[in-house]
Amino acid sequence: MAAETHEVFNQVPPLLGHDTAADPALLEGVAREGAAWALPEIHDVGRLAGTAEAIEWGRLAERTPPVLYTHDRYGRRLDEVEYTASYHRLMETAVSHGIHAAPWADDRPGAHVARAAKFYAWNVDAGHGCPISMTYAVIPALRANPELASRFEPLLTNRAYDPGLRDPETKAGLIAGMSMTEKQGGSDVRANTTTATPLPGEPGTYRLVGHKWFTSAPMSDLFLTLAQAPGGLSCFLLPRVLPGGERNGIRFQRLKDKLGNRSNASSEIEYHDAIGYLVGEEGRGVRTIVEMVNQTRLDCVIGSASGMRSALVQATHHAQHRSAFGKRLIEAPLMRNVLADLALESEAATTAMLRLSGANDRAVHGDGAEAAVRRLALAATKYYVCKRGPAVAAEALECLGGNGYIEDFDLARIYRELPLLSIWEGSGNVAALDALRAIGREPQTLDAFFAEAELAAGADVRYDDALAELKKELTDVADLEVRARRVVEQIAVVFQAGLLLRHAPSAVADAFCATRLSRDWGSAFGTLPAGVDLEVILQRASPGF
């Protein structure tokens, strides 16, 4: 008889039945930023995200990417994208929990913080988060045209997911997208060549002709776009379906074959006399649409922090169950160092994200000082945290060894997703230069940032030295653009360190200052110095069972 060789043992069980919101840094930050009232629903979202059913929705949506149909079987233009049923379940869940635009219809302090926490916890698929994020972000830009806002905002904020192409004002709820970049310009949106011609006798209505290189979620109901009007680059709202049910002149050329984010359709489109409505003033399109960009940049930070936490939890779960060399991996000193180092990066990102979400919430309600903090700290944090995400995912993947590199395991997908968040809404150079632009054009933002940073002064000499060094760097304007990445990284790390010193356990803050500020640290994760309290750090990193 042949010997049995396929007994499976020492393999890690699936990570199921946990609460993705059971993250101490998240829960403490939510309460600190004024959204404790939302904790029950945040936990509802987190528990749902940890179920086998929701995880399967995410897997199937990513494994079954959307399909473009440009024409029907008779040769007529169709311009429709078909999604898997799992994608629609994900969208329905996100919208029903208000993770889209619902906070704009909620005057409670902390509503935007609560939404950020739910967005963070609902981490089963990153692709559908793109239209959810854009729907959230469209509202402040749309308010530059009060008439359009009064028509569409109630439908954008409603907790009803209503897919399908119909006159938007006949639907129960709407999803929004954004279409700015063109192939010759990319982030240089002022190089756009799409034209917008006013319609005689119809004030505020234009015909658009042009080609857009990236339009995500092309089956959305409404889009904000940029085009060259007679008065200069301007912002427009384009519906997919016009009043009465006629399709607008938006033609899909192809879907992009992306590294990750595969459940989300990103398309290349053409406008053929598409009808658009002016949002804001002619010639002020960038200033108008930047209100949307600010919100989506914050979502890039939220998504990066969420991805880091997901990668950390997967790696920690693996180490708790896998044995090697006579012990569980979680008991091996070097593995504990690696996991604790990843946990520091994750907690710092989450804490910064929540502070920015709180600043955003208060800025929305008219707090100018908080708006100034958000302006600079968000640009710097978007630059830095979104770059740290892929590095964290790569190290977490390595904790699983060969299994981490296999698509059957979740870390491969997390690893492919995270680079997008550093690219979307301005890649590294754009984000770094935007931070310098804020300092140069809006000096009150730097004053607000340093006022925030000074709140942690005196708590740690390493922090005080880093803050003094940052001030010195910013007083030297020579070659500042060449040093942009260096300086903006310093801003982001000082911001994180100050928050950890004020709010995190002393073991976490001490380890962060020792490594990220004093550089008692190697060039790879897992190089924390001797004497760091690994146990306290790792306790906060464990999956939330």
Protein backbone atom coordinates (compact mmCIF):
# COMPACT_ATOMS: atom_id res chain seq x y z
CA MET A 1 0.00 0.00 0.00
CA ALA A 2 1.19 3.48 -0.85
CA ALA A 3 2.07 5.64 2.12
CA GLU A 4 -0.27 8.58 2.86
CA THR A 5 1.67 11.77 2.08
CA HIS A 6 -0.97 14.46 1.96
CA GLU A 7 -1.90 14.97 5.57
CA VAL A 8 -2.30 18.74 6.08
CA PHE A 9 -0.99 20.09 9.37
CA ASN A 10 0.71 23.21 10.73
CA GLN A 11 -1.31 25.33 8.33
CA VAL A 12 -3.01 28.49 9.53
CA PRO A 13 -6.82 28.56 9.71
CA PRO A 14 -8.61 31.31 7.74
CA LEU A 15 -8.98 34.60 9.54
CA LEU A 16 -12.76 34.67 9.99
CA GLY A 17 -15.24 35.83 12.58
CA HIS A 18 -13.28 38.84 13.78
CA ASP A 19 -14.22 42.50 14.11
CA THR A 20 -12.03 44.66 11.87
CA ALA A 21 -13.01 47.68 13.97
CA ALA A 22 -11.58 46.09 17.13
CA ASP A 23 -8.42 48.14 16.72
CA PRO A 24 -7.39 50.11 19.84
CA ALA A 25 -5.84 52.95 17.85
CA LEU A 26 -9.03 53.26 15.79
CA LEU A 27 -11.48 53.13 18.69
CA GLU A 28 -9.50 55.52 20.88
CA GLY A 29 -9.17 57.98 18.00
CA VAL A 30 -12.86 57.82 17.13
CA ALA A 31 -13.78 58.73 20.71
CA ARG A 32 -11.10 61.43 20.87
CA GLU A 33 -12.32 63.05 17.66
CA GLY A 34 -15.94 63.28 18.78
CA ALA A 35 -17.62 60.26 17.18
CA ALA A 36 -18.05 57.87 20.12
CA TRP A 37 -21.79 57.95 19.44
CA ALA A 38 -21.12 56.00 16.21
CA LEU A 39 -19.19 53.12 17.78
CA PRO A 40 -22.10 50.61 17.63
CA GLU A 41 -22.45 51.02 13.87
CA ILE A 42 -18.67 51.06 13.38
CA HIS A 43 -18.52 47.69 15.14
CA ASP A 44 -21.46 46.45 13.04
CA VAL A 45 -19.45 47.24 9.91
CA GLY A 46 -16.31 45.68 11.38
CA ARG A 47 -18.05 42.45 12.34
CA LEU A 48 -19.64 42.20 8.90
CA ALA A 49 -16.24 42.74 7.25
CA GLY A 50 -14.89 39.77 9.22
CA THR A 51 -17.56 37.32 8.05
CA ALA A 52 -16.89 34.59 5.49
CA GLU A 53 -19.72 35.97 3.35
CA ALA A 54 -18.32 39.50 3.05
CA ILE A 55 -14.78 38.24 2.48
CA GLU A 56 -16.12 36.07 -0.34
CA TRP A 57 -17.88 39.07 -1.89
CA GLY A 58 -14.54 40.85 -1.98
CA ARG A 59 -12.71 37.84 -3.42
CA LEU A 60 -15.24 37.27 -6.18
CA ALA A 61 -15.48 40.95 -7.10
CA GLU A 62 -11.71 41.13 -7.51
CA ARG A 63 -11.43 37.76 -9.30
CA THR A 64 -14.31 38.60 -11.68
CA PRO A 65 -13.43 42.04 -12.99
CA PRO A 66 -15.97 44.24 -14.78
CA VAL A 67 -16.56 43.80 -18.49
CA LEU A 68 -17.10 46.60 -21.02
CA TYR A 69 -19.75 46.36 -23.73
CA THR A 70 -19.33 49.20 -26.21
CA HIS A 71 -22.09 48.01 -28.59
CA ASP A 72 -25.14 45.79 -28.45
CA ARG A 73 -25.55 42.80 -30.76
CA TYR A 74 -27.08 44.98 -33.47
CA GLY A 75 -24.14 47.37 -33.55
CA ARG A 76 -25.76 50.23 -31.64
CA ARG A 77 -23.71 52.12 -29.05
CA LEU A 78 -24.25 50.64 -25.63
CA ASP A 79 -21.39 51.94 -23.46
CA GLU A 80 -22.15 49.84 -20.42
CA VAL A 81 -19.99 48.02 -17.89
CA GLU A 82 -21.19 44.80 -16.32
CA TYR A 83 -20.17 43.99 -12.74
CA THR A 84 -20.42 40.77 -10.79
CA ALA A 85 -23.27 40.41 -8.28
CA SER A 86 -20.67 40.45 -5.48
CA TYR A 87 -19.61 43.96 -6.46
CA HIS A 88 -23.19 45.15 -6.13
CA ARG A 89 -23.44 43.53 -2.68
CA LEU A 90 -20.34 45.42 -1.61
CA MET A 91 -21.71 48.71 -2.93
CA GLU A 92 -25.11 48.14 -1.35
CA THR A 93 -23.51 47.44 2.04
CA ALA A 94 -21.25 50.51 1.90
CA VAL A 95 -24.09 52.83 0.88
CA SER A 96 -26.57 51.42 3.42
CA HIS A 97 -24.04 52.12 6.18
CA GLY A 98 -23.53 55.69 4.98
CA ILE A 99 -19.90 55.20 3.95
CA HIS A 100 -20.58 57.20 0.82
CA ALA A 101 -21.93 60.76 1.11
CA ALA A 102 -24.24 60.34 4.10
CA PRO A 103 -22.20 62.56 6.51
CA TRP A 104 -22.99 65.65 4.45
CA ALA A 105 -26.63 65.26 5.49
CA ASP A 106 -25.73 64.68 9.17
CA ASP A 107 -25.02 67.76 11.28
CA ARG A 108 -23.80 65.83 14.33
CA PRO A 109 -20.22 66.65 15.32
CA GLY A 110 -18.04 63.71 14.38
CA ALA A 111 -20.19 62.49 11.46
CA HIS A 112 -17.23 62.64 9.07
CA VAL A 113 -15.00 60.89 11.62
CA ALA A 114 -17.58 58.12 11.97
CA ARG A 115 -17.67 57.72 8.21
CA ALA A 116 -13.85 57.53 8.08
CA ALA A 117 -13.85 54.77 10.70
CA LYS A 118 -16.45 52.77 8.79
CA PHE A 119 -14.50 53.24 5.56
CA TYR A 120 -11.41 51.95 7.40
CA ALA A 121 -13.20 48.93 8.83
CA TRP A 122 -15.04 47.95 5.63
CA ASN A 123 -11.83 46.60 4.10
CA VAL A 124 -12.94 43.47 2.21
CA ASP A 125 -12.38 45.03 -1.24
CA ALA A 126 -10.59 48.21 -2.22
CA GLY A 127 -12.00 48.54 -5.72
CA HIS A 128 -15.57 49.44 -4.83
CA GLY A 129 -14.16 51.97 -2.37
CA CYS A 130 -13.28 54.20 -5.34
CA PRO A 131 -16.86 55.14 -6.32
CA ILE A 132 -17.80 55.27 -2.63
CA SER A 133 -14.97 57.74 -2.04
CA MET A 134 -15.83 59.89 -5.06
CA THR A 135 -19.49 60.04 -4.08
CA TYR A 136 -18.41 61.32 -0.68
CA ALA A 137 -16.02 63.85 -2.18
CA VAL A 138 -18.30 65.32 -4.86
CA ILE A 139 -20.60 67.15 -2.42
CA PRO A 140 -18.40 70.11 -1.36
CA ALA A 141 -17.46 70.82 -4.98
CA LEU A 142 -21.06 70.50 -6.17
CA ARG A 143 -22.12 73.14 -3.64
CA ALA A 144 -20.40 75.73 -5.83
CA ASN A 145 -23.61 75.50 -7.87
CA PRO A 146 -26.47 75.72 -5.34
CA GLU A 147 -29.11 74.83 -7.92
CA LEU A 148 -27.36 71.59 -8.89
CA ALA A 149 -26.66 70.81 -5.24
CA SER A 150 -30.32 71.21 -4.33
CA ARG A 151 -31.30 68.77 -7.09
CA PHE A 152 -28.71 66.06 -6.58
CA GLU A 153 -27.32 66.27 -3.04
CA PRO A 154 -30.33 64.60 -1.37
CA LEU A 155 -29.98 61.66 -3.77
CA LEU A 156 -26.20 61.44 -3.33
CA THR A 157 -26.50 61.38 0.46
CA ASN A 158 -29.41 58.92 0.61
CA ARG A 159 -28.56 55.45 1.94
CA ALA A 160 -30.05 53.67 -1.07
CA TYR A 161 -27.95 51.92 -3.71
CA ASP A 162 -29.85 52.06 -7.00
CA PRO A 163 -27.71 50.79 -9.91
CA GLY A 164 -28.73 51.00 -13.53
CA LEU A 165 -28.85 53.74 -16.14
CA ARG A 166 -31.85 56.01 -15.69
CA ASP A 167 -32.57 59.70 -15.37
CA PRO A 168 -30.76 60.43 -12.08
CA GLU A 169 -33.65 62.43 -10.66
CA THR A 170 -35.89 59.36 -10.92
CA LYS A 171 -33.59 57.16 -8.81
CA ALA A 172 -33.56 56.44 -5.07
CA GLY A 173 -29.85 57.13 -4.71
CA LEU A 174 -26.86 58.22 -6.82
CA ILE A 175 -23.18 57.37 -7.21
CA ALA A 176 -20.68 59.96 -8.48
CA GLY A 177 -17.37 59.79 -10.30
CA MET A 178 -14.58 62.08 -11.41
CA SER A 179 -12.91 62.57 -14.79
CA MET A 180 -10.03 65.04 -14.88
CA THR A 181 -6.83 63.69 -16.40
CA GLU A 182 -6.00 63.45 -20.08
CA LYS A 183 -3.22 61.50 -21.73
CA GLN A 184 -1.11 64.53 -22.61
CA GLY A 185 -1.38 66.08 -19.14
CA GLY A 186 -1.88 63.61 -16.30
CA SER A 187 -1.59 65.57 -13.07
CA ASP A 188 -1.03 68.75 -15.10
CA VAL A 189 -4.76 69.22 -15.56
CA ARG A 190 -4.31 72.72 -17.00
CA ALA A 191 -2.97 70.98 -20.11
CA ASN A 192 -6.43 69.50 -20.74
CA THR A 193 -7.74 69.96 -24.28
CA THR A 194 -11.39 68.97 -23.79
CA THR A 195 -13.56 71.89 -24.89
CA ALA A 196 -16.84 73.16 -23.46
CA THR A 197 -19.07 75.34 -25.64
CA PRO A 198 -22.01 77.22 -24.06
CA LEU A 199 -25.45 76.35 -25.41
CA PRO A 200 -27.28 79.49 -26.61
CA GLY A 201 -30.30 80.29 -24.51
CA GLU A 202 -29.42 77.74 -21.81
CA PRO A 203 -27.29 79.51 -19.18
CA GLY A 204 -24.87 77.18 -17.42
CA THR A 205 -25.28 74.38 -19.97
CA TYR A 206 -22.41 73.38 -22.29
CA ARG A 207 -21.50 70.82 -24.94
CA LEU A 208 -18.24 68.99 -24.20
CA VAL A 209 -15.91 67.39 -26.74
CA GLY A 210 -12.72 65.63 -25.72
CA HIS A 211 -10.88 62.55 -24.52
CA LYS A 212 -10.30 61.56 -20.88
CA TRP A 213 -7.47 59.17 -20.03
CA PHE A 214 -8.87 58.00 -16.66
CA THR A 215 -12.50 57.89 -15.61
CA SER A 216 -13.14 55.55 -12.72
CA ALA A 217 -16.47 53.85 -12.11
CA PRO A 218 -17.90 54.83 -15.52
CA MET A 219 -21.35 53.45 -14.64
CA SER A 220 -21.77 56.18 -12.02
CA ASP A 221 -24.75 58.49 -12.36
CA LEU A 222 -22.89 61.82 -12.27
CA PHE A 223 -19.33 62.95 -12.98
CA LEU A 224 -17.30 66.03 -12.21
CA THR A 225 -14.93 66.86 -15.07
CA LEU A 226 -12.68 69.64 -16.30
CA ALA A 227 -12.85 71.28 -19.73
CA GLN A 228 -11.68 74.45 -21.46
CA ALA A 229 -14.58 76.93 -21.60
CA PRO A 230 -14.35 80.39 -23.20
CA GLY A 231 -13.30 81.77 -19.82
CA GLY A 232 -10.64 79.13 -19.17
CA LEU A 233 -10.42 75.73 -17.49
CA SER A 234 -13.75 75.10 -15.78
CA CYS A 235 -15.56 72.43 -13.77
CA PHE A 236 -18.69 70.68 -15.05
CA LEU A 237 -21.20 68.13 -13.82
CA LEU A 238 -22.08 65.50 -16.44
CA PRO A 239 -24.93 63.03 -15.94
CA ARG A 240 -24.68 59.64 -17.66
CA VAL A 241 -28.38 59.91 -18.51
CA LEU A 242 -30.08 63.18 -19.40
CA PRO A 243 -33.49 64.30 -18.17
CA GLY A 244 -36.09 62.24 -19.99
CA GLY A 245 -33.88 59.16 -20.26
CA GLU A 246 -31.61 59.93 -23.24
CA ARG A 247 -27.99 58.72 -22.86
CA ASN A 248 -25.45 61.52 -22.63
CA GLY A 249 -22.67 61.66 -25.23
CA ILE A 250 -20.11 59.71 -23.17
CA ARG A 251 -18.46 56.88 -25.10
CA PHE A 252 -16.26 54.25 -23.47
CA GLN A 253 -13.10 53.36 -25.37
CA ARG A 254 -11.65 50.68 -23.11
CA LEU A 255 -11.17 49.60 -19.51
CA LYS A 256 -7.69 49.86 -18.05
CA ASP A 257 -5.86 46.61 -17.28
CA LYS A 258 -4.58 47.52 -13.82
CA LEU A 259 -2.07 46.02 -11.41
CA GLY A 260 -4.68 46.01 -8.67
CA ASN A 261 -8.05 47.56 -7.87
CA ARG A 262 -9.49 45.14 -10.40
CA SER A 263 -13.06 45.11 -9.13
CA ASN A 264 -13.30 48.80 -10.05
CA ALA A 265 -13.72 49.75 -13.70
CA SER A 266 -11.29 52.50 -14.71
CA SER A 267 -12.04 53.60 -18.24
CA GLU A 268 -10.82 55.72 -21.09
CA ILE A 269 -13.69 57.78 -22.49
CA GLU A 270 -14.60 60.31 -25.13
CA TYR A 271 -17.11 63.14 -24.92
CA HIS A 272 -19.15 63.48 -28.11
CA ASP A 273 -21.20 66.64 -27.60
CA ALA A 274 -21.82 65.54 -24.02
CA ILE A 275 -24.07 67.84 -22.01
CA GLY A 276 -22.45 69.33 -18.92
CA TYR A 277 -23.53 71.89 -16.32
CA LEU A 278 -21.12 74.53 -15.07
CA VAL A 279 -20.07 74.15 -11.42
CA GLY A 280 -18.56 77.33 -10.03
CA GLU A 281 -17.26 80.06 -12.31
CA GLU A 282 -15.66 79.77 -15.72
CA GLY A 283 -11.90 79.73 -15.44
CA ARG A 284 -11.93 78.52 -11.83
CA GLY A 285 -12.26 74.81 -12.49
CA VAL A 286 -9.21 73.72 -10.52
CA ARG A 287 -10.20 75.81 -7.51
CA THR A 288 -13.70 74.29 -7.67
CA ILE A 289 -12.71 70.67 -8.07
CA VAL A 290 -9.96 70.90 -5.45
CA GLU A 291 -12.72 70.68 -2.86
CA MET A 292 -13.36 67.18 -4.16
CA VAL A 293 -9.64 66.39 -4.31
CA ASN A 294 -9.14 67.30 -0.63
CA GLN A 295 -11.69 64.69 0.38
CA THR A 296 -10.38 61.95 -1.89
CA ARG A 297 -6.83 62.60 -0.67
CA LEU A 298 -8.05 62.02 2.86
CA ASP A 299 -9.60 58.78 1.66
CA CYS A 300 -6.23 57.77 0.23
CA VAL A 301 -4.79 58.13 3.74
CA ILE A 302 -7.71 56.21 5.25
CA GLY A 303 -7.34 53.45 2.66
CA SER A 304 -3.59 53.20 3.22
CA ALA A 305 -4.01 53.01 6.99
CA SER A 306 -6.70 50.38 6.55
CA GLY A 307 -4.52 48.36 4.18
CA MET A 308 -1.60 48.50 6.62
CA ARG A 309 -3.82 47.31 9.45
CA SER A 310 -5.22 44.49 7.30
CA ALA A 311 -1.73 43.35 6.32
CA LEU A 312 -0.56 43.51 9.95
CA VAL A 313 -3.54 41.51 11.20
CA GLN A 314 -2.99 38.84 8.55
CA ALA A 315 0.69 38.54 9.47
CA THR A 316 -0.03 38.47 13.21
CA HIS A 317 -2.76 35.85 12.78
CA HIS A 318 -0.34 33.70 10.79
CA ALA A 319 2.38 34.04 13.44
CA GLN A 320 -0.05 33.08 16.21
CA HIS A 321 -0.90 29.77 14.51
CA ARG A 322 2.17 28.72 12.56
CA SER A 323 5.01 26.79 14.22
CA ALA A 324 8.66 26.53 13.14
CA PHE A 325 11.81 25.34 14.84
CA GLY A 326 9.88 24.07 17.83
CA LYS A 327 7.86 27.19 18.67
CA ARG A 328 5.03 29.32 17.38
CA LEU A 329 6.28 32.13 15.19
CA ILE A 330 4.77 34.71 17.52
CA GLU A 331 7.16 33.43 20.22
CA ALA A 332 10.28 33.91 18.09
CA PRO A 333 12.11 37.09 19.15
CA LEU A 334 12.98 38.21 15.63
CA MET A 335 9.44 37.68 14.34
CA ARG A 336 8.12 39.64 17.30
CA ASN A 337 10.46 42.48 16.35
CA VAL A 338 9.18 42.47 12.77
CA LEU A 339 5.53 42.42 13.78
CA ALA A 340 6.00 45.12 16.40
CA ASP A 341 7.78 47.33 13.87
CA LEU A 342 4.90 46.88 11.43
CA ALA A 343 2.47 47.63 14.24
CA LEU A 344 4.21 50.95 14.96
CA GLU A 345 3.84 52.00 11.33
CA SER A 346 0.20 50.95 11.31
CA GLU A 347 -0.72 52.69 14.55
CA ALA A 348 1.02 55.91 13.53
CA ALA A 349 -0.87 55.95 10.22
CA THR A 350 -4.21 55.23 11.88
CA THR A 351 -3.71 57.88 14.54
CA ALA A 352 -2.76 60.51 11.96
CA MET A 353 -5.72 59.52 9.78
CA LEU A 354 -8.15 60.03 12.63
CA ARG A 355 -6.68 63.41 13.58
CA LEU A 356 -7.05 64.51 9.96
CA SER A 357 -10.61 63.17 9.88
CA GLY A 358 -11.39 65.20 12.99
CA ALA A 359 -9.84 68.30 11.44
CA ASN A 360 -11.88 67.70 8.31
CA ASP A 361 -15.08 67.32 10.34
CA ARG A 362 -14.50 70.60 12.14
CA ALA A 363 -13.36 72.38 8.95
CA VAL A 364 -16.61 71.35 7.28
CA HIS A 365 -18.43 73.10 10.11
CA GLY A 366 -16.46 76.32 9.61
CA ASP A 367 -13.43 75.96 11.89
CA GLY A 368 -10.72 77.89 10.06
CA ALA A 369 -7.89 76.81 12.36
CA GLU A 370 -8.71 73.15 11.79
CA ALA A 371 -8.95 73.77 8.04
CA ALA A 372 -5.41 75.18 8.19
CA VAL A 373 -4.14 72.10 10.05
CA ARG A 374 -5.82 69.87 7.48
CA ARG A 375 -4.36 71.77 4.53
CA LEU A 376 -0.69 71.12 5.28
CA ALA A 377 -0.85 67.98 7.41
CA LEU A 378 -3.08 66.21 4.88
CA ALA A 379 -0.77 66.92 1.94
CA ALA A 380 2.27 65.72 3.92
CA THR A 381 0.51 62.68 5.34
CA LYS A 382 -0.90 61.73 1.94
CA TYR A 383 2.64 61.80 0.59
CA TYR A 384 4.22 59.78 3.39
CA VAL A 385 1.62 57.32 4.65
CA CYS A 386 0.61 56.26 1.15
CA LYS A 387 4.24 55.45 0.42
CA ARG A 388 4.62 53.43 3.61
CA GLY A 389 1.64 51.22 2.77
CA PRO A 390 3.28 49.06 0.06
CA ALA A 391 6.40 48.61 2.21
CA VAL A 392 4.30 47.40 5.15
CA ALA A 393 2.35 45.02 2.90
CA ALA A 394 5.55 43.60 1.39
CA GLU A 395 7.03 42.85 4.82
CA ALA A 396 3.75 41.39 6.10
CA LEU A 397 3.59 39.19 3.00
CA GLU A 398 7.08 37.92 3.80
CA CYS A 399 5.90 36.89 7.27
CA LEU A 400 3.79 34.23 5.52
CA GLY A 401 6.69 33.03 3.41
CA GLY A 402 5.72 31.41 0.12
CA ASN A 403 2.03 31.39 1.01
CA GLY A 404 2.05 35.18 1.14
CA TYR A 405 3.00 35.29 -2.52
CA ILE A 406 0.09 33.08 -3.56
CA GLU A 407 -3.13 34.70 -4.76
CA ASP A 408 -5.21 32.29 -2.63
CA PHE A 409 -4.08 34.29 0.39
CA ASP A 410 -5.28 37.83 1.09
CA LEU A 411 -1.89 39.51 1.36
CA ALA A 412 -1.14 39.26 -2.36
CA ARG A 413 -4.22 41.32 -3.11
CA ILE A 414 -3.46 43.85 -0.35
CA TYR A 415 0.06 44.22 -1.73
CA ARG A 416 -1.26 44.94 -5.23
CA GLU A 417 -3.79 47.46 -3.98
CA LEU A 418 -1.65 49.75 -1.87
CA PRO A 419 0.58 51.40 -4.53
CA LEU A 420 -2.52 52.90 -6.14
CA LEU A 421 -3.22 55.10 -3.13
CA SER A 422 0.16 56.79 -3.50
CA ILE A 423 -0.58 57.46 -7.17
CA TRP A 424 -4.25 58.47 -7.01
CA GLU A 425 -4.93 62.19 -6.47
CA GLY A 426 -1.34 63.15 -7.11
CA SER A 427 1.64 60.81 -6.90
CA GLY A 428 4.59 61.45 -4.62
CA ASN A 429 6.08 64.53 -6.27
CA VAL A 430 2.68 66.17 -6.73
CA ALA A 431 1.76 65.64 -3.07
CA ALA A 432 5.15 66.84 -1.81
CA LEU A 433 5.05 69.97 -3.97
CA ASP A 434 1.48 70.64 -2.88
CA ALA A 435 2.66 70.70 0.74
CA LEU A 436 5.32 73.25 -0.17
CA ARG A 437 2.73 75.25 -2.09
CA ALA A 438 0.57 75.40 1.03
CA ILE A 439 3.52 76.70 3.04
CA GLY A 440 4.41 79.31 0.42
CA ARG A 441 0.94 80.58 -0.45
CA GLU A 442 -0.90 80.04 2.82
CA PRO A 443 1.62 80.70 5.61
CA GLN A 444 -1.13 80.33 8.21
CA THR A 445 -1.08 76.60 7.47
CA LEU A 446 2.49 76.32 8.72
CA ASP A 447 1.63 78.34 11.81
CA ALA A 448 -1.31 76.01 12.47
CA PHE A 449 0.86 72.95 11.96
CA PHE A 450 3.52 74.13 14.40
CA ALA A 451 0.84 75.07 16.94
CA GLU A 452 -0.39 71.48 16.69
CA ALA A 453 3.14 70.09 16.92
CA GLU A 454 3.98 72.21 19.98
CA LEU A 455 1.23 70.44 21.94
CA ALA A 456 3.64 67.50 22.33
CA ALA A 457 6.72 69.63 23.05
CA GLY A 458 8.60 68.63 26.18
CA ALA A 459 7.27 65.07 26.21
CA ASP A 460 10.39 63.56 24.61
CA VAL A 461 13.77 65.11 23.90
CA ARG A 462 14.04 63.25 20.61
CA TYR A 463 10.79 64.80 19.49
CA ASP A 464 11.92 68.27 20.56
CA ASP A 465 15.13 67.84 18.56
CA ALA A 466 13.19 66.65 15.48
CA LEU A 467 10.80 69.58 15.70
CA ALA A 468 13.70 72.03 15.96
CA GLU A 469 15.40 70.41 12.97
CA LEU A 470 12.20 70.68 10.93
CA LYS A 471 11.91 74.37 11.70
CA LYS A 472 15.52 74.83 10.62
CA GLU A 473 14.88 73.00 7.34
CA LEU A 474 11.92 75.24 6.57
CA THR A 475 13.81 78.48 7.24
CA ASP A 476 16.28 77.57 4.50
CA VAL A 477 14.40 78.18 1.25
CA ALA A 478 17.42 77.47 -0.98
CA ASP A 479 16.82 74.38 -3.13
CA LEU A 480 13.59 73.72 -1.23
CA GLU A 481 11.97 72.03 -4.22
CA VAL A 482 14.93 69.66 -4.54
CA ARG A 483 14.53 68.84 -0.85
CA ALA A 484 10.74 68.61 -1.05
CA ARG A 485 10.43 64.91 -0.33
CA ARG A 486 12.87 65.06 2.56
CA VAL A 487 11.14 68.04 4.17
CA VAL A 488 7.60 66.75 3.65
CA GLU A 489 8.57 63.39 5.11
CA GLN A 490 9.87 65.22 8.18
CA ILE A 491 6.56 67.09 8.48
CA ALA A 492 4.61 63.83 8.30
CA VAL A 493 6.78 61.95 10.79
CA VAL A 494 6.79 64.82 13.29
CA PHE A 495 3.00 64.99 12.95
CA GLN A 496 2.70 61.27 13.70
CA ALA A 497 5.20 61.35 16.56
CA GLY A 498 3.47 64.27 18.26
CA LEU A 499 0.12 62.50 18.11
CA LEU A 500 1.55 59.26 19.49
CA LEU A 501 3.25 61.10 22.33
CA ARG A 502 -0.07 62.70 23.26
CA HIS A 503 -2.38 59.75 22.78
CA ALA A 504 -0.67 56.35 22.46
CA PRO A 505 0.75 54.13 25.23
CA SER A 506 4.23 55.25 26.24
CA ALA A 507 5.76 52.03 24.87
CA VAL A 508 4.39 52.82 21.40
CA ALA A 509 5.44 56.47 21.44
CA ASP A 510 8.91 55.66 22.84
CA ALA A 511 9.58 53.04 20.16
CA PHE A 512 8.37 55.37 17.41
CA CYS A 513 10.57 58.24 18.58
CA ALA A 514 13.59 55.96 18.99
CA THR A 515 13.30 54.64 15.45
CA ARG A 516 11.56 57.16 13.22
CA LEU A 517 13.07 60.25 14.87
CA SER A 518 16.43 59.21 16.40
CA ARG A 519 17.04 56.62 13.66
CA ASP A 520 18.05 53.85 16.07
CA TRP A 521 16.68 51.66 13.34
CA GLY A 522 17.77 49.72 10.28
CA SER A 523 16.65 50.13 6.70
CA ALA A 524 14.15 47.24 6.94
CA PHE A 525 11.30 46.43 9.29
CA GLY A 526 12.23 44.23 12.25
CA THR A 527 15.17 46.37 13.37
CA LEU A 528 13.71 47.86 16.54
CA PRO A 529 16.42 48.42 19.19
CA ALA A 530 16.80 46.30 22.31
CA GLY A 531 14.73 47.52 25.22
CA VAL A 532 11.57 48.28 23.25
CA ASP A 533 8.47 46.92 24.99
CA LEU A 534 7.36 44.54 22.24
CA GLU A 535 4.56 43.01 24.30
CA VAL A 536 2.55 46.22 24.67
CA ILE A 537 2.93 47.01 20.98
CA LEU A 538 1.96 43.51 19.87
CA GLN A 539 -1.11 43.38 22.12
CA ARG A 540 -2.52 46.33 20.16
CA ALA A 541 -1.75 44.55 16.89
CA SER A 542 -3.64 41.32 17.54
CA PRO A 543 -6.72 40.49 15.47
CA GLY A 544 -9.94 41.55 17.13
CA PHE A 545 -11.55 38.28 18.15
